[in-house]
PDB file of all heavy atoms in Angstrom:
ATOM      1  N   ASN A   1     121.648 115.920  91.418  1.00  0.00           N
ATOM      2  CA  ASN A   1     121.811 114.699  90.644  1.00  0.00           C
ATOM      3  C   ASN A   1     121.364 113.480  91.443  1.00  0.00           C
ATOM      4  O   ASN A   1     120.689 112.594  90.933  1.00  0.00           O
ATOM      5  CB  ASN A   1     123.270 114.531  90.209  1.00  0.00           C
ATOM      6  CG  ASN A   1     123.649 115.521  89.124  1.00  0.00           C
ATOM      7  OD1 ASN A   1     122.778 116.008  88.406  1.00  0.00           O
ATOM      8  ND2 ASN A   1     124.924 115.839  89.017  1.00  0.00           N
ATOM      9  N   LYS A   2     121.743 113.454  92.715  1.00  0.00           N
ATOM     10  CA  LYS A   2     121.313 112.343  93.572  1.00  0.00           C
ATOM     11  C   LYS A   2     119.806 112.347  93.727  1.00  0.00           C
ATOM     12  O   LYS A   2     119.160 111.311  93.737  1.00  0.00           O
ATOM     13  CB  LYS A   2     121.983 112.449  94.944  1.00  0.00           C
ATOM     14  CG  LYS A   2     123.494 112.216  94.909  1.00  0.00           C
ATOM     15  CD  LYS A   2     124.106 112.416  96.275  1.00  0.00           C
ATOM     16  CE  LYS A   2     125.621 112.227  96.234  1.00  0.00           C
ATOM     17  NZ  LYS A   2     126.240 112.481  97.549  1.00  0.00           N
ATOM     18  N   LEU A   3     119.260 113.565  93.840  1.00  0.00           N
ATOM     19  CA  LEU A   3     117.824 113.696  93.988  1.00  0.00           C
ATOM     20  C   LEU A   3     117.118 113.173  92.745  1.00  0.00           C
ATOM     21  O   LEU A   3     116.109 112.482  92.826  1.00  0.00           O
ATOM     22  CB  LEU A   3     117.468 115.165  94.221  1.00  0.00           C
ATOM     23  CG  LEU A   3     115.985 115.529  94.342  1.00  0.00           C
ATOM     24  CD1 LEU A   3     115.390 114.873  95.569  1.00  0.00           C
ATOM     25  CD2 LEU A   3     115.828 117.033  94.417  1.00  0.00           C
ATOM     26  N   SER A   4     117.644 113.489  91.577  1.00  0.00           N
ATOM     27  CA  SER A   4     117.037 113.046  90.325  1.00  0.00           C
ATOM     28  C   SER A   4     116.990 111.526  90.256  1.00  0.00           C
ATOM     29  O   SER A   4     115.975 110.943  89.891  1.00  0.00           O
ATOM     30  CB  SER A   4     117.826 113.583  89.134  1.00  0.00           C
ATOM     31  OG  SER A   4     117.861 114.981  89.157  1.00  0.00           O
ATOM     32  N   ILE A   5     118.090 110.900  90.597  1.00  0.00           N
ATOM     33  CA  ILE A   5     118.157 109.443  90.534  1.00  0.00           C
ATOM     34  C   ILE A   5     117.153 108.820  91.501  1.00  0.00           C
ATOM     35  O   ILE A   5     116.412 107.907  91.151  1.00  0.00           O
ATOM     36  CB  ILE A   5     119.585 108.954  90.870  1.00  0.00           C
ATOM     37  CG1 ILE A   5     120.557 109.454  89.790  1.00  0.00           C
ATOM     38  CG2 ILE A   5     119.633 107.450  90.982  1.00  0.00           C
ATOM     39  CD1 ILE A   5     122.013 109.218  90.151  1.00  0.00           C
ATOM     40  N   LYS A   6     117.096 109.401  92.681  1.00  0.00           N
ATOM     41  CA  LYS A   6     116.179 108.860  93.684  1.00  0.00           C
ATOM     42  C   LYS A   6     114.732 109.075  93.251  1.00  0.00           C
ATOM     43  O   LYS A   6     113.892 108.202  93.394  1.00  0.00           O
ATOM     44  CB  LYS A   6     116.425 109.556  95.026  1.00  0.00           C
ATOM     45  CG  LYS A   6     115.497 109.073  96.147  1.00  0.00           C
ATOM     46  CD  LYS A   6     115.801 109.810  97.442  1.00  0.00           C
ATOM     47  CE  LYS A   6     114.867 109.354  98.553  1.00  0.00           C
ATOM     48  NZ  LYS A   6     115.123 110.068  99.814  1.00  0.00           N
ATOM     49  N   PHE A   7     114.449 110.245  92.681  1.00  0.00           N
ATOM     50  CA  PHE A   7     113.080 110.584  92.345  1.00  0.00           C
ATOM     51  C   PHE A   7     112.549 109.755  91.183  1.00  0.00           C
ATOM     52  O   PHE A   7     111.411 109.328  91.196  1.00  0.00           O
ATOM     53  CB  PHE A   7     112.990 112.081  92.006  1.00  0.00           C
ATOM     54  CG  PHE A   7     111.600 112.518  91.671  1.00  0.00           C
ATOM     55  CD1 PHE A   7     110.680 112.741  92.673  1.00  0.00           C
ATOM     56  CD2 PHE A   7     111.203 112.675  90.354  1.00  0.00           C
ATOM     57  CE1 PHE A   7     109.384 113.121  92.377  1.00  0.00           C
ATOM     58  CE2 PHE A   7     109.916 113.057  90.047  1.00  0.00           C
ATOM     59  CZ  PHE A   7     109.009 113.289  91.061  1.00  0.00           C
ATOM     60  N   THR A   8     113.386 109.542  90.184  1.00  0.00           N
ATOM     61  CA  THR A   8     112.902 108.852  88.994  1.00  0.00           C
ATOM     62  C   THR A   8     112.596 107.379  89.271  1.00  0.00           C
ATOM     63  O   THR A   8     111.969 106.723  88.460  1.00  0.00           O
ATOM     64  CB  THR A   8     113.936 108.933  87.860  1.00  0.00           C
ATOM     65  OG1 THR A   8     115.208 108.464  88.343  1.00  0.00           O
ATOM     66  CG2 THR A   8     114.082 110.360  87.368  1.00  0.00           C
ATOM     67  N   LYS A   9     113.029 106.864  90.391  1.00  0.00           N
ATOM     68  CA  LYS A   9     112.714 105.480  90.727  1.00  0.00           C
ATOM     69  C   LYS A   9     111.307 105.332  91.281  1.00  0.00           C
ATOM     70  O   LYS A   9     110.785 104.240  91.375  1.00  0.00           O
ATOM     71  CB  LYS A   9     113.723 104.948  91.760  1.00  0.00           C
ATOM     72  CG  LYS A   9     115.127 104.739  91.196  1.00  0.00           C
ATOM     73  CD  LYS A   9     116.033 104.193  92.269  1.00  0.00           C
ATOM     74  CE  LYS A   9     117.452 103.957  91.737  1.00  0.00           C
ATOM     75  NZ  LYS A   9     118.345 103.445  92.777  1.00  0.00           N
ATOM     76  N   SER A  10     110.684 106.464  91.687  1.00  0.00           N
ATOM     77  CA  SER A  10     109.345 106.392  92.287  1.00  0.00           C
ATOM     78  C   SER A  10     108.314 106.877  91.287  1.00  0.00           C
ATOM     79  O   SER A  10     108.592 107.738  90.464  1.00  0.00           O
ATOM     80  CB  SER A  10     109.286 107.250  93.559  1.00  0.00           C
ATOM     81  OG  SER A  10     109.556 108.593  93.223  1.00  0.00           O
ATOM     82  N   PRO A  11     107.087 106.317  91.341  1.00  0.00           N
ATOM     83  CA  PRO A  11     106.049 106.732  90.397  1.00  0.00           C
ATOM     84  C   PRO A  11     105.504 108.108  90.741  1.00  0.00           C
ATOM     85  O   PRO A  11     104.733 108.258  91.681  1.00  0.00           O
ATOM     86  CB  PRO A  11     104.969 105.647  90.569  1.00  0.00           C
ATOM     87  CG  PRO A  11     105.162 105.138  91.952  1.00  0.00           C
ATOM     88  CD  PRO A  11     106.626 105.274  92.264  1.00  0.00           C
ATOM     89  N   SER A  12     105.890 109.138  89.996  1.00  0.00           N
ATOM     90  CA  SER A  12     105.503 110.509  90.322  1.00  0.00           C
ATOM     91  C   SER A  12     104.013 110.735  90.143  1.00  0.00           C
ATOM     92  O   SER A  12     103.413 111.536  90.845  1.00  0.00           O
ATOM     93  CB  SER A  12     106.277 111.495  89.448  1.00  0.00           C
ATOM     94  OG  SER A  12     105.978 111.279  88.087  1.00  0.00           O
ATOM     95  N   GLN A  13     103.375 110.047  89.192  1.00  0.00           N
ATOM     96  CA  GLN A  13     101.969 110.308  88.916  1.00  0.00           C
ATOM     97  C   GLN A  13     101.106 110.030  90.142  1.00  0.00           C
ATOM     98  O   GLN A  13     100.275 110.831  90.521  1.00  0.00           O
ATOM     99  CB  GLN A  13     101.507 109.437  87.742  1.00  0.00           C
ATOM    100  CG  GLN A  13     100.095 109.726  87.275  1.00  0.00           C
ATOM    101  CD  GLN A  13      99.950 111.128  86.725  1.00  0.00           C
ATOM    102  OE1 GLN A  13     100.880 111.664  86.156  1.00  0.00           O
ATOM    103  NE2 GLN A  13      98.791 111.733  86.926  1.00  0.00           N
ATOM    104  N   LYS A  14     101.334 108.895  90.789  1.00  0.00           N
ATOM    105  CA  LYS A  14     100.565 108.553  91.973  1.00  0.00           C
ATOM    106  C   LYS A  14     100.820 109.556  93.084  1.00  0.00           C
ATOM    107  O   LYS A  14      99.915 109.976  93.801  1.00  0.00           O
ATOM    108  CB  LYS A  14     100.933 107.145  92.443  1.00  0.00           C
ATOM    109  CG  LYS A  14     100.137 106.681  93.664  1.00  0.00           C
ATOM    110  CD  LYS A  14     100.505 105.267  94.048  1.00  0.00           C
ATOM    111  CE  LYS A  14      99.737 104.814  95.285  1.00  0.00           C
ATOM    112  NZ  LYS A  14     100.091 103.451  95.695  1.00  0.00           N
ATOM    113  N   PHE A  15     102.080 109.987  93.209  1.00  0.00           N
ATOM    114  CA  PHE A  15     102.444 110.955  94.246  1.00  0.00           C
ATOM    115  C   PHE A  15     101.699 112.273  94.029  1.00  0.00           C
ATOM    116  O   PHE A  15     101.135 112.841  94.937  1.00  0.00           O
ATOM    117  CB  PHE A  15     103.951 111.176  94.210  1.00  0.00           C
ATOM    118  CG  PHE A  15     104.435 112.290  95.103  1.00  0.00           C
ATOM    119  CD1 PHE A  15     104.428 112.136  96.467  1.00  0.00           C
ATOM    120  CD2 PHE A  15     104.888 113.486  94.562  1.00  0.00           C
ATOM    121  CE1 PHE A  15     104.876 113.148  97.298  1.00  0.00           C
ATOM    122  CE2 PHE A  15     105.333 114.495  95.376  1.00  0.00           C
ATOM    123  CZ  PHE A  15     105.331 114.327  96.750  1.00  0.00           C
ATOM    124  N   ASN A  16     101.666 112.725  92.779  1.00  0.00           N
ATOM    125  CA  ASN A  16     101.024 113.996  92.481  1.00  0.00           C
ATOM    126  C   ASN A  16      99.518 113.938  92.609  1.00  0.00           C
ATOM    127  O   ASN A  16      98.876 114.929  92.940  1.00  0.00           O
ATOM    128  CB  ASN A  16     101.404 114.458  91.071  1.00  0.00           C
ATOM    129  CG  ASN A  16     102.821 114.995  91.021  1.00  0.00           C
ATOM    130  OD1 ASN A  16     103.387 115.329  92.060  1.00  0.00           O
ATOM    131  ND2 ASN A  16     103.380 115.057  89.840  1.00  0.00           N
ATOM    132  N   GLU A  17      98.911 112.796  92.325  1.00  0.00           N
ATOM    133  CA  GLU A  17      97.465 112.679  92.415  1.00  0.00           C
ATOM    134  C   GLU A  17      96.968 112.917  93.835  1.00  0.00           C
ATOM    135  O   GLU A  17      95.843 113.354  94.046  1.00  0.00           O
ATOM    136  CB  GLU A  17      97.021 111.289  91.943  1.00  0.00           C
ATOM    137  CG  GLU A  17      97.059 111.123  90.429  1.00  0.00           C
ATOM    138  CD  GLU A  17      96.671 109.721  90.008  1.00  0.00           C
ATOM    139  OE1 GLU A  17      96.515 108.867  90.898  1.00  0.00           O
ATOM    140  OE2 GLU A  17      96.555 109.473  88.797  1.00  0.00           O
ATOM    141  N   GLU A  18      97.802 112.662  94.811  1.00  0.00           N
ATOM    142  CA  GLU A  18      97.406 112.812  96.200  1.00  0.00           C
ATOM    143  C   GLU A  18      97.410 114.265  96.649  1.00  0.00           C
ATOM    144  O   GLU A  18      96.832 114.601  97.674  1.00  0.00           O
ATOM    145  CB  GLU A  18      98.345 111.996  97.092  1.00  0.00           C
ATOM    146  CG  GLU A  18      98.281 110.492  96.829  1.00  0.00           C
ATOM    147  CD  GLU A  18      99.330 109.738  97.616  1.00  0.00           C
ATOM    148  OE1 GLU A  18     100.135 110.397  98.295  1.00  0.00           O
ATOM    149  OE2 GLU A  18      99.344 108.502  97.553  1.00  0.00           O
ATOM    150  N   ILE A  19      98.051 115.145  95.907  1.00  0.00           N
ATOM    151  CA  ILE A  19      98.179 116.540  96.346  1.00  0.00           C
ATOM    152  C   ILE A  19      97.644 117.534  95.333  1.00  0.00           C
ATOM    153  O   ILE A  19      97.691 118.735  95.571  1.00  0.00           O
ATOM    154  CB  ILE A  19      99.655 116.882  96.668  1.00  0.00           C
ATOM    155  CG1 ILE A  19     100.533 116.690  95.431  1.00  0.00           C
ATOM    156  CG2 ILE A  19     100.161 116.056  97.831  1.00  0.00           C
ATOM    157  CD1 ILE A  19     101.983 117.095  95.662  1.00  0.00           C
ATOM    158  N   THR A  20      97.141 117.062  94.196  1.00  0.00           N
ATOM    159  CA  THR A  20      96.629 117.978  93.176  1.00  0.00           C
ATOM    160  C   THR A  20      95.189 117.644  92.816  1.00  0.00           C
ATOM    161  O   THR A  20      94.698 116.552  93.080  1.00  0.00           O
ATOM    162  CB  THR A  20      97.486 117.912  91.890  1.00  0.00           C
ATOM    163  OG1 THR A  20      97.440 116.572  91.353  1.00  0.00           O
ATOM    164  CG2 THR A  20      98.925 118.294  92.170  1.00  0.00           C
ATOM    165  N   GLU A  21      94.515 118.624  92.208  1.00  0.00           N
ATOM    166  CA  GLU A  21      93.138 118.448  91.759  1.00  0.00           C
ATOM    167  C   GLU A  21      93.095 118.352  90.244  1.00  0.00           C
ATOM    168  O   GLU A  21      93.821 119.062  89.548  1.00  0.00           O
ATOM    169  CB  GLU A  21      92.277 119.639  92.205  1.00  0.00           C
ATOM    170  CG  GLU A  21      92.155 119.803  93.699  1.00  0.00           C
ATOM    171  CD  GLU A  21      91.369 121.044  94.064  1.00  0.00           C
ATOM    172  OE1 GLU A  21      90.700 121.601  93.170  1.00  0.00           O
ATOM    173  OE2 GLU A  21      91.431 121.453  95.228  1.00  0.00           O
ATOM    174  N   GLY A  22      92.197 117.515  89.728  1.00  0.00           N
ATOM    175  CA  GLY A  22      92.004 117.407  88.292  1.00  0.00           C
ATOM    176  C   GLY A  22      93.277 116.996  87.577  1.00  0.00           C
ATOM    177  O   GLY A  22      94.139 116.319  88.125  1.00  0.00           O
ATOM    178  N   ASN A  23      93.397 117.416  86.331  1.00  0.00           N
ATOM    179  CA  ASN A  23      94.629 117.188  85.566  1.00  0.00           C
ATOM    180  C   ASN A  23      95.508 118.415  85.761  1.00  0.00           C
ATOM    181  O   ASN A  23      95.392 119.400  85.027  1.00  0.00           O
ATOM    182  CB  ASN A  23      94.310 116.959  84.084  1.00  0.00           C
ATOM    183  CG  ASN A  23      95.523 116.440  83.322  1.00  0.00           C
ATOM    184  OD1 ASN A  23      96.655 116.868  83.559  1.00  0.00           O
ATOM    185  ND2 ASN A  23      95.292 115.511  82.415  1.00  0.00           N
ATOM    186  N   PHE A  24      96.377 118.353  86.761  1.00  0.00           N
ATOM    187  CA  PHE A  24      97.125 119.527  87.187  1.00  0.00           C
ATOM    188  C   PHE A  24      97.953 120.123  86.047  1.00  0.00           C
ATOM    189  O   PHE A  24      97.931 121.332  85.820  1.00  0.00           O
ATOM    190  CB  PHE A  24      98.042 119.160  88.358  1.00  0.00           C
ATOM    191  CG  PHE A  24      98.801 120.340  88.908  1.00  0.00           C
ATOM    192  CD1 PHE A  24      98.245 121.136  89.887  1.00  0.00           C
ATOM    193  CD2 PHE A  24     100.071 120.654  88.438  1.00  0.00           C
ATOM    194  CE1 PHE A  24      98.930 122.230  90.388  1.00  0.00           C
ATOM    195  CE2 PHE A  24     100.767 121.746  88.931  1.00  0.00           C
ATOM    196  CZ  PHE A  24     100.189 122.531  89.909  1.00  0.00           C
ATOM    197  N   GLU A  25      98.697 119.298  85.326  1.00  0.00           N
ATOM    198  CA  GLU A  25      99.574 119.820  84.276  1.00  0.00           C
ATOM    199  C   GLU A  25      98.774 120.502  83.168  1.00  0.00           C
ATOM    200  O   GLU A  25      99.146 121.590  82.706  1.00  0.00           O
ATOM    201  CB  GLU A  25     100.426 118.686  83.698  1.00  0.00           C
ATOM    202  CG  GLU A  25     101.498 118.172  84.642  1.00  0.00           C
ATOM    203  CD  GLU A  25     102.338 117.079  84.002  1.00  0.00           C
ATOM    204  OE1 GLU A  25     101.925 116.550  82.960  1.00  0.00           O
ATOM    205  OE2 GLU A  25     103.410 116.757  84.551  1.00  0.00           O
TER     206      GLU A  25
END
C-alpha cells in the first residue's frame, strides 16, 4: 500500500520509456 502511494506520485510513462522498446504494453 505504501509502495502504491509512492509510485502513483511519479510519472510511470517516462520511467518505462527509459527501459522498454517501442510501445511495450
